[in-house]
Amino acid sequence: MNTTKIQTKTNIENIKESNVTENKPQGNLPEKKFRAGAISATVWLNKGQRVTGEESEYKTISIERNYMDKDSKWHSTNSLRINDLPKAKLVLEKAYEFLLLQEQDLFKGGA
């Protein structure tokens, strides 16, 4: 039985969402990952410092495609094929939705 099969359906039920629970004291922190088959979008929490010296946080999104080489080793790339674009669009929309809803939740507490 081959357990390395990649899903190829692009319907919404195949979008996988995961909370990333790594505890890294420094650097960027992955906050959420959305996956459709071999394509994933990761939301990152970044910490920086403003010119005034104040600490700041901002979020970025990375996209990648996972693939297996001829030696059955897994790799990832940021290069997408034409057939990857519908899945990329879907995971990016989910990441945007997550960020937008999270931002709206910030304003609920201040009312």
C-alpha atoms as a PDB file:
ATOM      1  CA  MET A   1       0.000   0.000   0.000  1.00  0.00           C
ATOM      2  CA  ASN A   2       1.388   3.381  -0.992  1.00  0.00           C
ATOM      3  CA  THR A   3       0.976   5.894   1.860  1.00  0.00           C
ATOM      4  CA  THR A   4       2.571   8.822   0.020  1.00  0.00           C
ATOM      5  CA  LYS A   5      -0.384   9.517  -2.275  1.00  0.00           C
ATOM      6  CA  ILE A   6      -1.117  13.229  -2.768  1.00  0.00           C
ATOM      7  CA  GLN A   7      -4.743  14.337  -2.866  1.00  0.00           C
ATOM      8  CA  THR A   8      -5.721  16.049  -6.096  1.00  0.00           C
ATOM      9  CA  LYS A   9      -9.256  17.277  -5.352  1.00  0.00           C
ATOM     10  CA  THR A  10      -9.589  21.026  -4.916  1.00  0.00           C
ATOM     11  CA  ASN A  11     -12.991  21.233  -3.257  1.00  0.00           C
ATOM     12  CA  ILE A  12     -13.315  22.997   0.062  1.00  0.00           C
ATOM     13  CA  GLU A  13     -13.582  19.777   2.098  1.00  0.00           C
ATOM     14  CA  ASN A  14      -9.989  18.922   1.205  1.00  0.00           C
ATOM     15  CA  ILE A  15      -8.540  22.101   2.690  1.00  0.00           C
ATOM     16  CA  LYS A  16      -6.681  21.156   5.815  1.00  0.00           C
ATOM     17  CA  GLU A  17      -6.163  23.738   8.482  1.00  0.00           C
ATOM     18  CA  SER A  18      -3.728  23.352  11.314  1.00  0.00           C
ATOM     19  CA  ASN A  19      -2.601  25.372  14.274  1.00  0.00           C
ATOM     20  CA  VAL A  20       1.148  25.391  14.603  1.00  0.00           C
ATOM     21  CA  THR A  21       2.228  24.893  18.187  1.00  0.00           C
ATOM     22  CA  GLU A  22       5.982  25.193  17.943  1.00  0.00           C
ATOM     23  CA  ASN A  23       7.495  27.209  20.773  1.00  0.00           C
ATOM     24  CA  LYS A  24      10.423  29.109  19.353  1.00  0.00           C
ATOM     25  CA  PRO A  25      11.723  31.908  21.546  1.00  0.00           C
ATOM     26  CA  GLN A  26      13.202  33.903  18.638  1.00  0.00           C
ATOM     27  CA  GLY A  27      12.452  34.564  15.003  1.00  0.00           C
ATOM     28  CA  ASN A  28       9.273  34.121  13.055  1.00  0.00           C
ATOM     29  CA  LEU A  29       6.540  31.955  14.500  1.00  0.00           C
ATOM     30  CA  PRO A  30       4.194  29.941  12.268  1.00  0.00           C
ATOM     31  CA  GLU A  31       0.654  30.666  13.405  1.00  0.00           C
ATOM     32  CA  LYS A  32      -1.588  28.711  11.050  1.00  0.00           C
ATOM     33  CA  LYS A  33      -1.191  26.449   8.024  1.00  0.00           C
ATOM     34  CA  PHE A  34      -3.741  25.768   5.283  1.00  0.00           C
ATOM     35  CA  ARG A  35      -3.187  22.820   2.939  1.00  0.00           C
ATOM     36  CA  ALA A  36      -4.881  21.563  -0.232  1.00  0.00           C
ATOM     37  CA  GLY A  37      -3.073  18.483  -1.494  1.00  0.00           C
ATOM     38  CA  ALA A  38       0.551  19.362  -2.123  1.00  0.00           C
ATOM     39  CA  ILE A  39       0.008  23.135  -1.809  1.00  0.00           C
ATOM     40  CA  SER A  40       0.134  24.956   1.521  1.00  0.00           C
ATOM     41  CA  ALA A  41      -0.038  28.520   2.777  1.00  0.00           C
ATOM     42  CA  THR A  42       1.452  29.325   6.179  1.00  0.00           C
ATOM     43  CA  VAL A  43       0.624  32.423   8.213  1.00  0.00           C
ATOM     44  CA  TRP A  44       3.681  33.681  10.092  1.00  0.00           C
ATOM     45  CA  LEU A  45       3.856  35.969  13.107  1.00  0.00           C
ATOM     46  CA  ASN A  46       6.852  38.255  12.750  1.00  0.00           C
ATOM     47  CA  LYS A  47       8.348  40.443  15.439  1.00  0.00           C
ATOM     48  CA  GLY A  48      10.349  43.538  14.726  1.00  0.00           C
ATOM     49  CA  GLN A  49      11.316  46.904  16.053  1.00  0.00           C
ATOM     50  CA  ARG A  50      10.097  50.279  14.829  1.00  0.00           C
ATOM     51  CA  VAL A  51      12.425  53.197  14.263  1.00  0.00           C
ATOM     52  CA  THR A  52      11.199  54.607  17.600  1.00  0.00           C
ATOM     53  CA  GLY A  53      12.464  51.489  19.365  1.00  0.00           C
ATOM     54  CA  GLU A  54       9.001  50.071  20.060  1.00  0.00           C
ATOM     55  CA  GLU A  55       8.473  46.378  19.443  1.00  0.00           C
ATOM     56  CA  SER A  56       6.005  45.540  16.680  1.00  0.00           C
ATOM     57  CA  GLU A  57       4.305  42.472  15.252  1.00  0.00           C
ATOM     58  CA  TYR A  58       3.169  41.851  11.704  1.00  0.00           C
ATOM     59  CA  LYS A  59       2.044  38.820   9.751  1.00  0.00           C
ATOM     60  CA  THR A  60       3.168  37.367   6.436  1.00  0.00           C
ATOM     61  CA  ILE A  61       2.051  34.430   4.327  1.00  0.00           C
ATOM     62  CA  SER A  62       4.315  31.941   2.575  1.00  0.00           C
ATOM     63  CA  ILE A  63       3.191  29.451  -0.044  1.00  0.00           C
ATOM     64  CA  GLU A  64       4.863  26.183  -1.004  1.00  0.00           C
ATOM     65  CA  ARG A  65       4.390  23.009  -2.995  1.00  0.00           C
ATOM     66  CA  ASN A  66       5.593  19.655  -1.671  1.00  0.00           C
ATOM     67  CA  TYR A  67       6.789  16.999  -4.092  1.00  0.00           C
ATOM     68  CA  MET A  68       8.586  13.679  -4.121  1.00  0.00           C
ATOM     69  CA  ASP A  69      11.724  13.229  -6.205  1.00  0.00           C
ATOM     70  CA  LYS A  70      12.694  10.121  -8.191  1.00  0.00           C
ATOM     71  CA  ASP A  71      14.365   8.687  -5.057  1.00  0.00           C
ATOM     72  CA  SER A  72      11.099   9.002  -3.078  1.00  0.00           C
ATOM     73  CA  LYS A  73      12.435  11.874  -0.951  1.00  0.00           C
ATOM     74  CA  TRP A  74      10.111  14.752  -0.065  1.00  0.00           C
ATOM     75  CA  HIS A  75      11.048  18.338  -0.953  1.00  0.00           C
ATOM     76  CA  SER A  76       9.312  21.690  -1.035  1.00  0.00           C
ATOM     77  CA  THR A  77       9.479  24.589  -3.459  1.00  0.00           C
ATOM     78  CA  ASN A  78       7.917  27.997  -3.936  1.00  0.00           C
ATOM     79  CA  SER A  79       7.573  27.366  -7.683  1.00  0.00           C
ATOM     80  CA  LEU A  80       4.088  26.405  -8.762  1.00  0.00           C
ATOM     81  CA  ARG A  81       2.810  24.639 -11.853  1.00  0.00           C
ATOM     82  CA  ILE A  82      -0.245  25.777 -13.788  1.00  0.00           C
ATOM     83  CA  ASN A  83      -2.350  22.993 -12.254  1.00  0.00           C
ATOM     84  CA  ASP A  84      -1.311  24.156  -8.758  1.00  0.00           C
ATOM     85  CA  LEU A  85      -2.882  27.595  -9.185  1.00  0.00           C
ATOM     86  CA  PRO A  86      -6.481  26.693  -8.182  1.00  0.00           C
ATOM     87  CA  LYS A  87      -5.225  25.108  -4.954  1.00  0.00           C
ATOM     88  CA  ALA A  88      -2.888  28.048  -4.331  1.00  0.00           C
ATOM     89  CA  LYS A  89      -5.799  30.441  -4.764  1.00  0.00           C
ATOM     90  CA  LEU A  90      -7.883  28.423  -2.311  1.00  0.00           C
ATOM     91  CA  VAL A  91      -5.255  28.219   0.474  1.00  0.00           C
ATOM     92  CA  LEU A  92      -4.374  31.906   0.044  1.00  0.00           C
ATOM     93  CA  GLU A  93      -8.058  32.841   0.341  1.00  0.00           C
ATOM     94  CA  LYS A  94      -8.300  30.777   3.534  1.00  0.00           C
ATOM     95  CA  ALA A  95      -5.202  32.469   4.952  1.00  0.00           C
ATOM     96  CA  TYR A  96      -6.634  35.889   4.101  1.00  0.00           C
ATOM     97  CA  GLU A  97      -9.977  34.949   5.674  1.00  0.00           C
ATOM     98  CA  PHE A  98      -8.171  33.807   8.838  1.00  0.00           C
ATOM     99  CA  LEU A  99      -6.243  37.094   9.070  1.00  0.00           C
ATOM    100  CA  LEU A 100      -9.279  39.244   8.368  1.00  0.00           C
ATOM    101  CA  LEU A 101     -11.470  37.471  10.931  1.00  0.00           C
ATOM    102  CA  GLN A 102      -8.677  37.593  13.498  1.00  0.00           C
ATOM    103  CA  GLU A 103      -8.341  41.343  12.925  1.00  0.00           C
ATOM    104  CA  GLN A 104     -12.111  41.830  13.395  1.00  0.00           C
ATOM    105  CA  ASP A 105     -11.945  39.912  16.673  1.00  0.00           C
ATOM    106  CA  LEU A 106      -9.484  42.510  17.962  1.00  0.00           C
ATOM    107  CA  PHE A 107     -12.098  45.223  17.531  1.00  0.00           C
ATOM    108  CA  LYS A 108     -14.861  43.278  19.326  1.00  0.00           C
ATOM    109  CA  GLY A 109     -13.144  43.686  22.690  1.00  0.00           C
ATOM    110  CA  GLY A 110     -13.008  47.467  22.443  1.00  0.00           C
ATOM    111  CA  ALA A 111     -16.764  48.065  21.993  1.00  0.00           C
END
